[in-house]
């Protein structure tokens, strides 16, 4: 379902958006951050019970933001996750893979609007919480501050989270190759978060 948010349209991620999502993701996060093949795999993990929990924001036909989210039960916690500190069972936790907003549209509430849409869809799928690895090196630590404002609670910090990705072709906009950025493992409990 499409929703108007200011001058943007927010709608579920679809194949027609893939080229714009890959281009914006690589522009903001660094070359190799997203690939066509990887995005197709990410998109498949977004669906559960016929509901898609990944969204794009469009200005005209241009992708100006996106939120990639994996449905609960469609992703596996790894060494960068601390499930024993989560407020709900891992099978009830969706994964917020990536939130990206074009620089010209930041600070206007678009990231939060995309997150709300993903939370609503993930809850409809049966999720009770959502986990993210937040980029601590974002300018002014803005990603951490934004996610905290949206109800995110810090679980743990993980230095070097994206190192292996960088060794496989991701060129971090901060570190280059290899990436040494720290990820803040953060969780939003949908049962208690503001607006939940």
C-alpha atoms as a PDB file:
ATOM      1  CA  UNK A   1       0.000   0.000   0.000  1.00  0.00           C
ATOM      2  CA  UNK A   2       1.314   3.413  -0.999  1.00  0.00           C
ATOM      3  CA  UNK A   3       1.320   6.225   1.561  1.00  0.00           C
ATOM      4  CA  UNK A   4       1.971   9.895   0.909  1.00  0.00           C
ATOM      5  CA  UNK A   5       4.457  11.430   3.362  1.00  0.00           C
ATOM      6  CA  UNK A   6       4.969  15.091   2.573  1.00  0.00           C
ATOM      7  CA  UNK A   7       6.282  15.271  -0.957  1.00  0.00           C
ATOM      8  CA  UNK A   8       7.331  11.611  -0.962  1.00  0.00           C
ATOM      9  CA  UNK A   9       5.460   8.401  -1.698  1.00  0.00           C
ATOM     10  CA  UNK A  10       6.318   5.488   0.566  1.00  0.00           C
ATOM     11  CA  UNK A  11       5.552   2.074  -0.851  1.00  0.00           C
ATOM     12  CA  UNK A  12       6.675  -1.531  -0.415  1.00  0.00           C
ATOM     13  CA  UNK A  13       9.981  -2.437  -2.039  1.00  0.00           C
ATOM     14  CA  UNK A  14       9.486  -3.994  -5.482  1.00  0.00           C
ATOM     15  CA  UNK A  15      11.818  -5.081  -8.318  1.00  0.00           C
ATOM     16  CA  UNK A  16      11.126  -1.805 -10.165  1.00  0.00           C
ATOM     17  CA  UNK A  17      12.938  -0.008  -7.305  1.00  0.00           C
ATOM     18  CA  UNK A  18      16.040  -2.221  -7.191  1.00  0.00           C
ATOM     19  CA  UNK A  19      18.334  -0.149  -9.446  1.00  0.00           C
ATOM     20  CA  UNK A  20      17.530   3.045  -7.514  1.00  0.00           C
ATOM     21  CA  UNK A  21      18.028   1.329  -4.141  1.00  0.00           C
ATOM     22  CA  UNK A  22      21.421  -0.120  -5.151  1.00  0.00           C
ATOM     23  CA  UNK A  23      22.578   3.231  -6.536  1.00  0.00           C
ATOM     24  CA  UNK A  24      21.512   5.204  -3.444  1.00  0.00           C
ATOM     25  CA  UNK A  25      22.900   2.599  -1.024  1.00  0.00           C
ATOM     26  CA  UNK A  26      26.306   2.626  -2.702  1.00  0.00           C
ATOM     27  CA  UNK A  27      26.361   6.422  -2.931  1.00  0.00           C
ATOM     28  CA  UNK A  28      25.650   6.849   0.793  1.00  0.00           C
ATOM     29  CA  UNK A  29      27.485   3.858   2.294  1.00  0.00           C
ATOM     30  CA  UNK A  30      30.251   3.150  -0.231  1.00  0.00           C
ATOM     31  CA  UNK A  31      30.747   1.135  -3.392  1.00  0.00           C
ATOM     32  CA  UNK A  32      29.830  -2.518  -3.057  1.00  0.00           C
ATOM     33  CA  UNK A  33      27.475  -1.938  -0.120  1.00  0.00           C
ATOM     34  CA  UNK A  34      24.569  -3.296  -2.184  1.00  0.00           C
ATOM     35  CA  UNK A  35      24.512  -5.386  -5.345  1.00  0.00           C
ATOM     36  CA  UNK A  36      21.605  -6.400  -7.562  1.00  0.00           C
ATOM     37  CA  UNK A  37      21.985 -10.038  -6.531  1.00  0.00           C
ATOM     38  CA  UNK A  38      22.289  -9.197  -2.843  1.00  0.00           C
ATOM     39  CA  UNK A  39      19.264  -6.916  -2.949  1.00  0.00           C
ATOM     40  CA  UNK A  40      17.147  -9.650  -4.553  1.00  0.00           C
ATOM     41  CA  UNK A  41      18.107 -11.956  -1.664  1.00  0.00           C
ATOM     42  CA  UNK A  42      17.351  -9.211   0.881  1.00  0.00           C
ATOM     43  CA  UNK A  43      13.956  -8.545  -0.703  1.00  0.00           C
ATOM     44  CA  UNK A  44      13.001 -12.227  -0.492  1.00  0.00           C
ATOM     45  CA  UNK A  45      13.678 -12.169   3.271  1.00  0.00           C
ATOM     46  CA  UNK A  46      11.251  -9.256   3.676  1.00  0.00           C
ATOM     47  CA  UNK A  47       8.126 -11.325   3.026  1.00  0.00           C
ATOM     48  CA  UNK A  48       6.126 -13.371   5.516  1.00  0.00           C
ATOM     49  CA  UNK A  49       2.440 -14.288   5.354  1.00  0.00           C
ATOM     50  CA  UNK A  50       2.168 -12.272   2.133  1.00  0.00           C
ATOM     51  CA  UNK A  51       3.340  -9.080   3.891  1.00  0.00           C
ATOM     52  CA  UNK A  52       6.429  -7.126   2.794  1.00  0.00           C
ATOM     53  CA  UNK A  53       8.284  -5.234   5.566  1.00  0.00           C
ATOM     54  CA  UNK A  54      10.803  -3.372   3.333  1.00  0.00           C
ATOM     55  CA  UNK A  55       9.902   0.062   1.943  1.00  0.00           C
ATOM     56  CA  UNK A  56      11.134   2.785  -0.397  1.00  0.00           C
ATOM     57  CA  UNK A  57      10.502   6.518  -0.480  1.00  0.00           C
ATOM     58  CA  UNK A  58      10.051   8.046  -3.914  1.00  0.00           C
ATOM     59  CA  UNK A  59      10.096  11.598  -5.179  1.00  0.00           C
ATOM     60  CA  UNK A  60       8.527  11.221  -8.599  1.00  0.00           C
ATOM     61  CA  UNK A  61      10.142   8.007  -9.806  1.00  0.00           C
ATOM     62  CA  UNK A  62      13.443   8.578  -7.973  1.00  0.00           C
ATOM     63  CA  UNK A  63      14.351   6.528  -4.895  1.00  0.00           C
ATOM     64  CA  UNK A  64      15.278   9.052  -2.181  1.00  0.00           C
ATOM     65  CA  UNK A  65      15.188   6.640   0.760  1.00  0.00           C
ATOM     66  CA  UNK A  66      14.707   3.014   1.700  1.00  0.00           C
ATOM     67  CA  UNK A  67      14.391   0.691   4.676  1.00  0.00           C
ATOM     68  CA  UNK A  68      15.372  -2.959   4.161  1.00  0.00           C
ATOM     69  CA  UNK A  69      13.937  -5.246   6.827  1.00  0.00           C
ATOM     70  CA  UNK A  70      14.082  -9.042   7.175  1.00  0.00           C
ATOM     71  CA  UNK A  71      10.979 -10.729   8.571  1.00  0.00           C
ATOM     72  CA  UNK A  72      11.277 -12.532  11.907  1.00  0.00           C
ATOM     73  CA  UNK A  73      12.358 -16.121  11.251  1.00  0.00           C
ATOM     74  CA  UNK A  74      13.883 -15.206   7.865  1.00  0.00           C
ATOM     75  CA  UNK A  75      17.380 -14.354   9.121  1.00  0.00           C
ATOM     76  CA  UNK A  76      19.923 -15.942  11.466  1.00  0.00           C
ATOM     77  CA  UNK A  77      21.608 -14.201  14.409  1.00  0.00           C
ATOM     78  CA  UNK A  78      25.393 -14.355  14.010  1.00  0.00           C
ATOM     79  CA  UNK A  79      28.490 -13.549  16.071  1.00  0.00           C
ATOM     80  CA  UNK A  80      27.488  -9.858  16.001  1.00  0.00           C
ATOM     81  CA  UNK A  81      24.252 -10.610  17.871  1.00  0.00           C
ATOM     82  CA  UNK A  82      23.584 -11.087  21.588  1.00  0.00           C
ATOM     83  CA  UNK A  83      20.203 -12.912  21.740  1.00  0.00           C
ATOM     84  CA  UNK A  84      20.451 -13.627  25.471  1.00  0.00           C
ATOM     85  CA  UNK A  85      20.118  -9.854  26.038  1.00  0.00           C
ATOM     86  CA  UNK A  86      17.056  -9.420  23.798  1.00  0.00           C
ATOM     87  CA  UNK A  87      13.643  -8.866  25.438  1.00  0.00           C
ATOM     88  CA  UNK A  88      11.905 -11.493  23.259  1.00  0.00           C
ATOM     89  CA  UNK A  89      12.714 -14.838  21.659  1.00  0.00           C
ATOM     90  CA  UNK A  90      14.941 -14.579  18.535  1.00  0.00           C
ATOM     91  CA  UNK A  91      12.190 -16.074  16.366  1.00  0.00           C
ATOM     92  CA  UNK A  92      10.052 -13.008  17.184  1.00  0.00           C
ATOM     93  CA  UNK A  93      12.737 -10.478  16.161  1.00  0.00           C
ATOM     94  CA  UNK A  94      12.858  -8.928  12.686  1.00  0.00           C
ATOM     95  CA  UNK A  95      16.126  -7.484  11.402  1.00  0.00           C
ATOM     96  CA  UNK A  96      16.467  -3.887  10.236  1.00  0.00           C
ATOM     97  CA  UNK A  97      19.167  -4.483   7.615  1.00  0.00           C
ATOM     98  CA  UNK A  98      19.561  -0.957   6.302  1.00  0.00           C
ATOM     99  CA  UNK A  99      18.043   2.513   6.417  1.00  0.00           C
ATOM    100  CA  UNK A 100      19.248   5.021   3.856  1.00  0.00           C
ATOM    101  CA  UNK A 101      18.068   8.534   3.016  1.00  0.00           C
ATOM    102  CA  UNK A 102      19.481  10.754   0.281  1.00  0.00           C
ATOM    103  CA  UNK A 103      21.547  13.583   1.801  1.00  0.00           C
ATOM    104  CA  UNK A 104      19.204  16.222   0.342  1.00  0.00           C
ATOM    105  CA  UNK A 105      16.265  14.745   2.284  1.00  0.00           C
ATOM    106  CA  UNK A 106      17.824  14.151   5.710  1.00  0.00           C
ATOM    107  CA  UNK A 107      16.431  15.808   8.818  1.00  0.00           C
ATOM    108  CA  UNK A 108      12.891  15.879   7.420  1.00  0.00           C
ATOM    109  CA  UNK A 109      11.505  12.777   9.165  1.00  0.00           C
ATOM    110  CA  UNK A 110      11.775  10.444   6.193  1.00  0.00           C
ATOM    111  CA  UNK A 111      13.949   7.850   7.958  1.00  0.00           C
ATOM    112  CA  UNK A 112      11.521   7.688  10.881  1.00  0.00           C
ATOM    113  CA  UNK A 113       8.545   7.376   8.502  1.00  0.00           C
ATOM    114  CA  UNK A 114      10.210   4.448   6.732  1.00  0.00           C
ATOM    115  CA  UNK A 115      10.983   2.814  10.087  1.00  0.00           C
ATOM    116  CA  UNK A 116       7.353   3.201  11.226  1.00  0.00           C
ATOM    117  CA  UNK A 117       6.125   1.515   8.048  1.00  0.00           C
ATOM    118  CA  UNK A 118       8.562  -1.376   8.545  1.00  0.00           C
ATOM    119  CA  UNK A 119       7.595  -1.773  12.204  1.00  0.00           C
ATOM    120  CA  UNK A 120       3.886  -1.823  11.339  1.00  0.00           C
ATOM    121  CA  UNK A 121       4.454  -4.463   8.652  1.00  0.00           C
ATOM    122  CA  UNK A 122       6.787  -6.558  10.842  1.00  0.00           C
ATOM    123  CA  UNK A 123       4.237  -6.492  13.661  1.00  0.00           C
ATOM    124  CA  UNK A 124       1.548  -7.631  11.215  1.00  0.00           C
ATOM    125  CA  UNK A 125       3.893 -10.502  10.305  1.00  0.00           C
ATOM    126  CA  UNK A 126       4.080 -11.472  14.011  1.00  0.00           C
ATOM    127  CA  UNK A 127       7.349  -9.818  15.123  1.00  0.00           C
ATOM    128  CA  UNK A 128       7.562  -8.410  18.652  1.00  0.00           C
ATOM    129  CA  UNK A 129      10.901  -6.599  18.317  1.00  0.00           C
ATOM    130  CA  UNK A 130      13.362  -5.415  15.708  1.00  0.00           C
ATOM    131  CA  UNK A 131      17.159  -5.563  15.785  1.00  0.00           C
ATOM    132  CA  UNK A 132      19.628  -3.340  13.929  1.00  0.00           C
ATOM    133  CA  UNK A 133      23.357  -2.846  13.721  1.00  0.00           C
ATOM    134  CA  UNK A 134      23.687   0.926  13.777  1.00  0.00           C
ATOM    135  CA  UNK A 135      26.670   2.605  12.137  1.00  0.00           C
ATOM    136  CA  UNK A 136      28.547   4.443  14.886  1.00  0.00           C
ATOM    137  CA  UNK A 137      30.643   6.342  12.317  1.00  0.00           C
ATOM    138  CA  UNK A 138      27.655   8.161  10.827  1.00  0.00           C
ATOM    139  CA  UNK A 139      28.200  11.944  10.849  1.00  0.00           C
ATOM    140  CA  UNK A 140      27.713  13.176  14.423  1.00  0.00           C
ATOM    141  CA  UNK A 141      26.664   9.628  15.405  1.00  0.00           C
ATOM    142  CA  UNK A 142      23.301  10.623  13.893  1.00  0.00           C
ATOM    143  CA  UNK A 143      22.238   7.036  13.121  1.00  0.00           C
ATOM    144  CA  UNK A 144      22.567   6.056  16.794  1.00  0.00           C
ATOM    145  CA  UNK A 145      20.747   9.184  17.971  1.00  0.00           C
ATOM    146  CA  UNK A 146      17.929   8.692  15.441  1.00  0.00           C
ATOM    147  CA  UNK A 147      17.451   5.003  16.308  1.00  0.00           C
ATOM    148  CA  UNK A 148      17.501   5.803  20.041  1.00  0.00           C
ATOM    149  CA  UNK A 149      14.819   8.457  19.521  1.00  0.00           C
ATOM    150  CA  UNK A 150      12.707   5.827  17.749  1.00  0.00           C
ATOM    151  CA  UNK A 151      12.865   3.534  20.803  1.00  0.00           C
ATOM    152  CA  UNK A 152      16.093   1.639  20.147  1.00  0.00           C
ATOM    153  CA  UNK A 153      17.993   0.346  23.158  1.00  0.00           C
ATOM    154  CA  UNK A 154      21.734  -0.416  23.035  1.00  0.00           C
ATOM    155  CA  UNK A 155      22.547  -4.105  23.476  1.00  0.00           C
ATOM    156  CA  UNK A 156      26.288  -4.103  22.684  1.00  0.00           C
ATOM    157  CA  UNK A 157      28.954  -2.430  20.537  1.00  0.00           C
ATOM    158  CA  UNK A 158      30.735  -4.562  17.931  1.00  0.00           C
ATOM    159  CA  UNK A 159      34.006  -3.141  16.519  1.00  0.00           C
ATOM    160  CA  UNK A 160      34.862  -4.406  13.036  1.00  0.00           C
ATOM    161  CA  UNK A 161      31.346  -5.620  12.192  1.00  0.00           C
ATOM    162  CA  UNK A 162      31.725  -4.803   8.475  1.00  0.00           C
ATOM    163  CA  UNK A 163      35.411  -5.805   8.093  1.00  0.00           C
ATOM    164  CA  UNK A 164      34.667  -9.061   6.254  1.00  0.00           C
ATOM    165  CA  UNK A 165      32.190  -7.306   3.939  1.00  0.00           C
ATOM    166  CA  UNK A 166      34.923  -4.805   3.067  1.00  0.00           C
ATOM    167  CA  UNK A 167      37.410  -7.582   2.334  1.00  0.00           C
ATOM    168  CA  UNK A 168      34.816  -9.003  -0.095  1.00  0.00           C
ATOM    169  CA  UNK A 169      34.402  -5.740  -2.018  1.00  0.00           C
ATOM    170  CA  UNK A 170      32.609  -3.181   0.170  1.00  0.00           C
ATOM    171  CA  UNK A 171      34.530   0.126   0.118  1.00  0.00           C
ATOM    172  CA  UNK A 172      33.561   1.939   3.352  1.00  0.00           C
ATOM    173  CA  UNK A 173      33.152   5.700   2.896  1.00  0.00           C
ATOM    174  CA  UNK A 174      34.951   6.269   6.231  1.00  0.00           C
ATOM    175  CA  UNK A 175      37.677   3.598   6.398  1.00  0.00           C
ATOM    176  CA  UNK A 176      38.034   2.310   2.872  1.00  0.00           C
ATOM    177  CA  UNK A 177      39.229  -1.292   2.841  1.00  0.00           C
ATOM    178  CA  UNK A 178      39.345  -2.841   5.355  1.00  0.00           C
ATOM    179  CA  UNK A 179      36.470  -1.296   7.294  1.00  0.00           C
ATOM    180  CA  UNK A 180      36.993  -0.941  11.043  1.00  0.00           C
ATOM    181  CA  UNK A 181      33.711   0.833  11.890  1.00  0.00           C
ATOM    182  CA  UNK A 182      31.853  -0.125  15.052  1.00  0.00           C
ATOM    183  CA  UNK A 183      28.265  -1.334  14.942  1.00  0.00           C
ATOM    184  CA  UNK A 184      25.898  -0.654  17.819  1.00  0.00           C
ATOM    185  CA  UNK A 185      23.623  -3.674  18.232  1.00  0.00           C
ATOM    186  CA  UNK A 186      20.287  -2.057  19.105  1.00  0.00           C
ATOM    187  CA  UNK A 187      16.790  -3.412  19.591  1.00  0.00           C
ATOM    188  CA  UNK A 188      13.329  -1.885  19.570  1.00  0.00           C
ATOM    189  CA  UNK A 189      10.762  -3.740  21.657  1.00  0.00           C
ATOM    190  CA  UNK A 190       7.534  -3.217  19.702  1.00  0.00           C
ATOM    191  CA  UNK A 191       5.491  -3.936  22.842  1.00  0.00           C
ATOM    192  CA  UNK A 192       6.869  -0.896  24.704  1.00  0.00           C
ATOM    193  CA  UNK A 193       8.473   1.466  22.164  1.00  0.00           C
ATOM    194  CA  UNK A 194       6.976   4.913  21.580  1.00  0.00           C
ATOM    195  CA  UNK A 195       4.269   4.708  18.950  1.00  0.00           C
ATOM    196  CA  UNK A 196       4.170   0.906  19.179  1.00  0.00           C
END
